[in-house]
Amino acid sequence: MNDEPNAVNRIDLRQVTIYQLGHILEGLNQDNPEQTYRIVFITNSAFVTGDLTDLDEENLDEQPKSVFQQVMSKTLEFRNESLLIEEQRGDNARVVNDSALFTLKNVTIRPFSSNGSHKVDELLLFTDAITGFTISNSQEL
């Protein structure tokens, strides 16, 4: 009998779909510079827009990583090391809340409960917080 948990090697469909959409929009934006399309994430409480970034991506423009990027990269590294230690203990421990995440920059959060918006430089958005998404070329969202 196999005692392996069913959730080994799970792939987050939201993450894969949104990253592929991000690549398509990046190409579309390069081909049509007068239009800038962005993904609008819909959560239970707000619309969230921002530029998809990758914490592990090579820094081609040689800009130093922001404090947020440095702290989150190190946090995720430590998290992965901790998970590996737990896995090696062999206690049949299973990770819960194992959704993927996105890092965004130039973020606007528009809560459903108000007419205003909040801007933050960077945000980490877990995919389980996303209830849907659309694309927009409007700077209003």
Protein backbone atom coordinates (compact mmCIF):
# COMPACT_ATOMS: atom_id res chain seq x y z
CA MET A 1 0.00 0.00 0.00
CA ASN A 2 1.30 3.44 -0.88
CA ASP A 3 1.37 5.82 2.11
CA GLU A 4 2.36 8.82 0.00
CA PRO A 5 -0.02 11.79 0.31
CA ASN A 6 -2.13 12.53 -2.75
CA ALA A 7 -0.92 16.13 -2.87
CA VAL A 8 2.72 15.41 -3.76
CA ASN A 9 3.92 17.46 -6.76
CA ARG A 10 0.77 19.56 -7.02
CA ILE A 11 0.67 22.18 -9.73
CA ASP A 12 -1.24 25.39 -9.09
CA LEU A 13 -3.45 25.96 -12.14
CA ARG A 14 -4.00 29.63 -11.27
CA GLN A 15 -0.27 30.27 -11.14
CA VAL A 16 0.47 28.56 -14.46
CA THR A 17 -2.46 30.27 -16.21
CA ILE A 18 -1.63 33.74 -14.90
CA TYR A 19 2.10 33.48 -15.67
CA GLN A 20 1.29 32.43 -19.24
CA LEU A 21 -1.22 35.27 -19.56
CA GLY A 22 1.46 37.63 -18.24
CA HIS A 23 3.86 36.52 -20.98
CA ILE A 24 1.17 36.98 -23.64
CA LEU A 25 0.34 40.48 -22.37
CA GLU A 26 4.04 41.37 -22.26
CA GLY A 27 4.32 40.53 -25.97
CA LEU A 28 1.08 42.33 -26.77
CA ASN A 29 2.30 45.44 -24.96
CA GLN A 30 5.60 45.37 -26.86
CA ASP A 31 3.75 45.10 -30.18
CA ASN A 32 1.27 47.89 -29.25
CA PRO A 33 3.12 50.48 -27.15
CA GLU A 34 0.14 52.86 -27.19
CA GLN A 35 -1.90 50.28 -25.23
CA THR A 36 -0.70 48.81 -21.94
CA TYR A 37 -2.64 45.75 -20.86
CA ARG A 38 -2.47 44.57 -17.27
CA ILE A 39 -3.90 41.71 -15.32
CA VAL A 40 -6.58 42.74 -12.84
CA PHE A 41 -6.77 40.24 -9.99
CA ILE A 42 -10.10 39.89 -8.24
CA THR A 43 -10.00 38.85 -4.60
CA ASN A 44 -12.81 38.55 -2.07
CA SER A 45 -12.31 42.16 -1.03
CA ALA A 46 -10.58 44.14 -3.79
CA PHE A 47 -9.32 44.56 -7.32
CA VAL A 48 -5.51 44.27 -7.36
CA THR A 49 -3.33 45.39 -10.27
CA GLY A 50 0.41 45.40 -10.58
CA ASP A 51 3.35 44.29 -12.68
CA LEU A 52 4.23 40.60 -12.30
CA THR A 53 7.79 40.11 -11.12
CA ASP A 54 9.90 37.11 -10.25
CA LEU A 55 11.97 37.08 -7.07
CA ASP A 56 14.40 34.61 -8.65
CA GLU A 57 14.71 36.37 -12.00
CA GLU A 58 18.15 37.54 -13.03
CA ASN A 59 18.57 41.26 -12.51
CA LEU A 60 19.43 42.20 -16.12
CA ASP A 61 19.27 45.95 -15.63
CA GLU A 62 21.68 45.66 -12.68
CA GLN A 63 19.36 47.57 -10.39
CA PRO A 64 19.82 46.49 -6.79
CA LYS A 65 17.01 44.36 -5.41
CA SER A 66 14.58 46.23 -3.20
CA VAL A 67 14.46 45.49 0.51
CA PHE A 68 11.14 43.71 -0.10
CA GLN A 69 12.72 41.47 -2.76
CA GLN A 70 15.72 40.70 -0.56
CA VAL A 71 13.61 39.90 2.50
CA MET A 72 11.06 37.80 0.58
CA SER A 73 13.76 35.87 -1.31
CA LYS A 74 15.47 35.01 1.96
CA THR A 75 12.16 34.18 3.67
CA LEU A 76 11.19 31.78 0.87
CA GLU A 77 14.66 30.22 0.94
CA PHE A 78 14.40 29.62 4.71
CA ARG A 79 10.85 28.33 4.30
CA ASN A 80 11.95 25.79 1.70
CA GLU A 81 14.86 24.65 3.89
CA SER A 82 12.48 24.24 6.84
CA LEU A 83 10.05 22.22 4.72
CA LEU A 84 12.89 19.96 3.57
CA ILE A 85 13.91 19.31 7.19
CA GLU A 86 10.31 18.47 8.10
CA GLU A 87 10.02 16.18 5.09
CA GLN A 88 13.23 14.37 6.03
CA ARG A 89 11.90 13.66 9.52
CA GLY A 90 9.46 11.27 7.88
CA ASP A 91 6.55 12.00 10.21
CA ASN A 92 4.08 11.92 7.30
CA ALA A 93 3.67 15.65 7.76
CA ARG A 94 1.81 17.37 4.96
CA VAL A 95 2.01 20.98 3.93
CA VAL A 96 -1.31 22.81 4.17
CA ASN A 97 -2.16 26.11 2.51
CA ASP A 98 0.35 25.24 -0.16
CA SER A 99 -0.86 27.64 -2.82
CA ALA A 100 1.59 29.37 -5.07
CA LEU A 101 2.25 33.08 -4.96
CA PHE A 102 2.94 36.06 -7.15
CA THR A 103 5.12 39.04 -6.49
CA LEU A 104 3.85 42.30 -7.90
CA LYS A 105 5.33 45.78 -8.13
CA ASN A 106 3.65 49.15 -8.75
CA VAL A 107 0.53 47.80 -7.08
CA THR A 108 -2.89 49.41 -6.79
CA ILE A 109 -5.45 47.90 -4.44
CA ARG A 110 -9.02 49.09 -4.95
CA PRO A 111 -11.22 47.74 -2.12
CA PHE A 112 -14.83 46.96 -2.95
CA SER A 113 -15.86 48.74 0.26
CA SER A 114 -14.63 52.21 -0.77
CA ASN A 115 -14.19 54.46 -3.77
CA GLY A 116 -10.52 55.04 -3.00
CA SER A 117 -7.44 53.01 -3.74
CA HIS A 118 -4.17 52.16 -2.04
CA LYS A 119 -0.81 52.09 -3.77
CA VAL A 120 2.11 49.99 -2.58
CA ASP A 121 5.50 49.47 -4.17
CA GLU A 122 5.43 45.69 -3.92
CA LEU A 123 3.05 42.95 -2.82
CA LEU A 124 3.11 39.20 -2.41
CA LEU A 125 -0.24 37.72 -3.50
CA PHE A 126 -1.07 34.09 -2.72
CA THR A 127 -3.04 32.40 -5.47
CA ASP A 128 -5.66 31.08 -3.05
CA ALA A 129 -6.70 34.72 -2.49
CA ILE A 130 -7.54 35.09 -6.19
CA THR A 131 -11.16 34.43 -7.09
CA GLY A 132 -10.78 35.54 -10.69
CA PHE A 133 -8.96 37.86 -13.04
CA THR A 134 -9.43 39.90 -16.17
CA ILE A 135 -7.29 42.14 -18.33
CA SER A 136 -7.57 45.87 -18.73
CA ASN A 137 -5.81 48.63 -20.62
CA SER A 138 -7.25 51.27 -18.32
CA GLN A 139 -5.14 52.96 -15.68
CA GLU A 140 -8.32 53.40 -13.60
CA LEU A 141 -8.11 49.92 -12.05
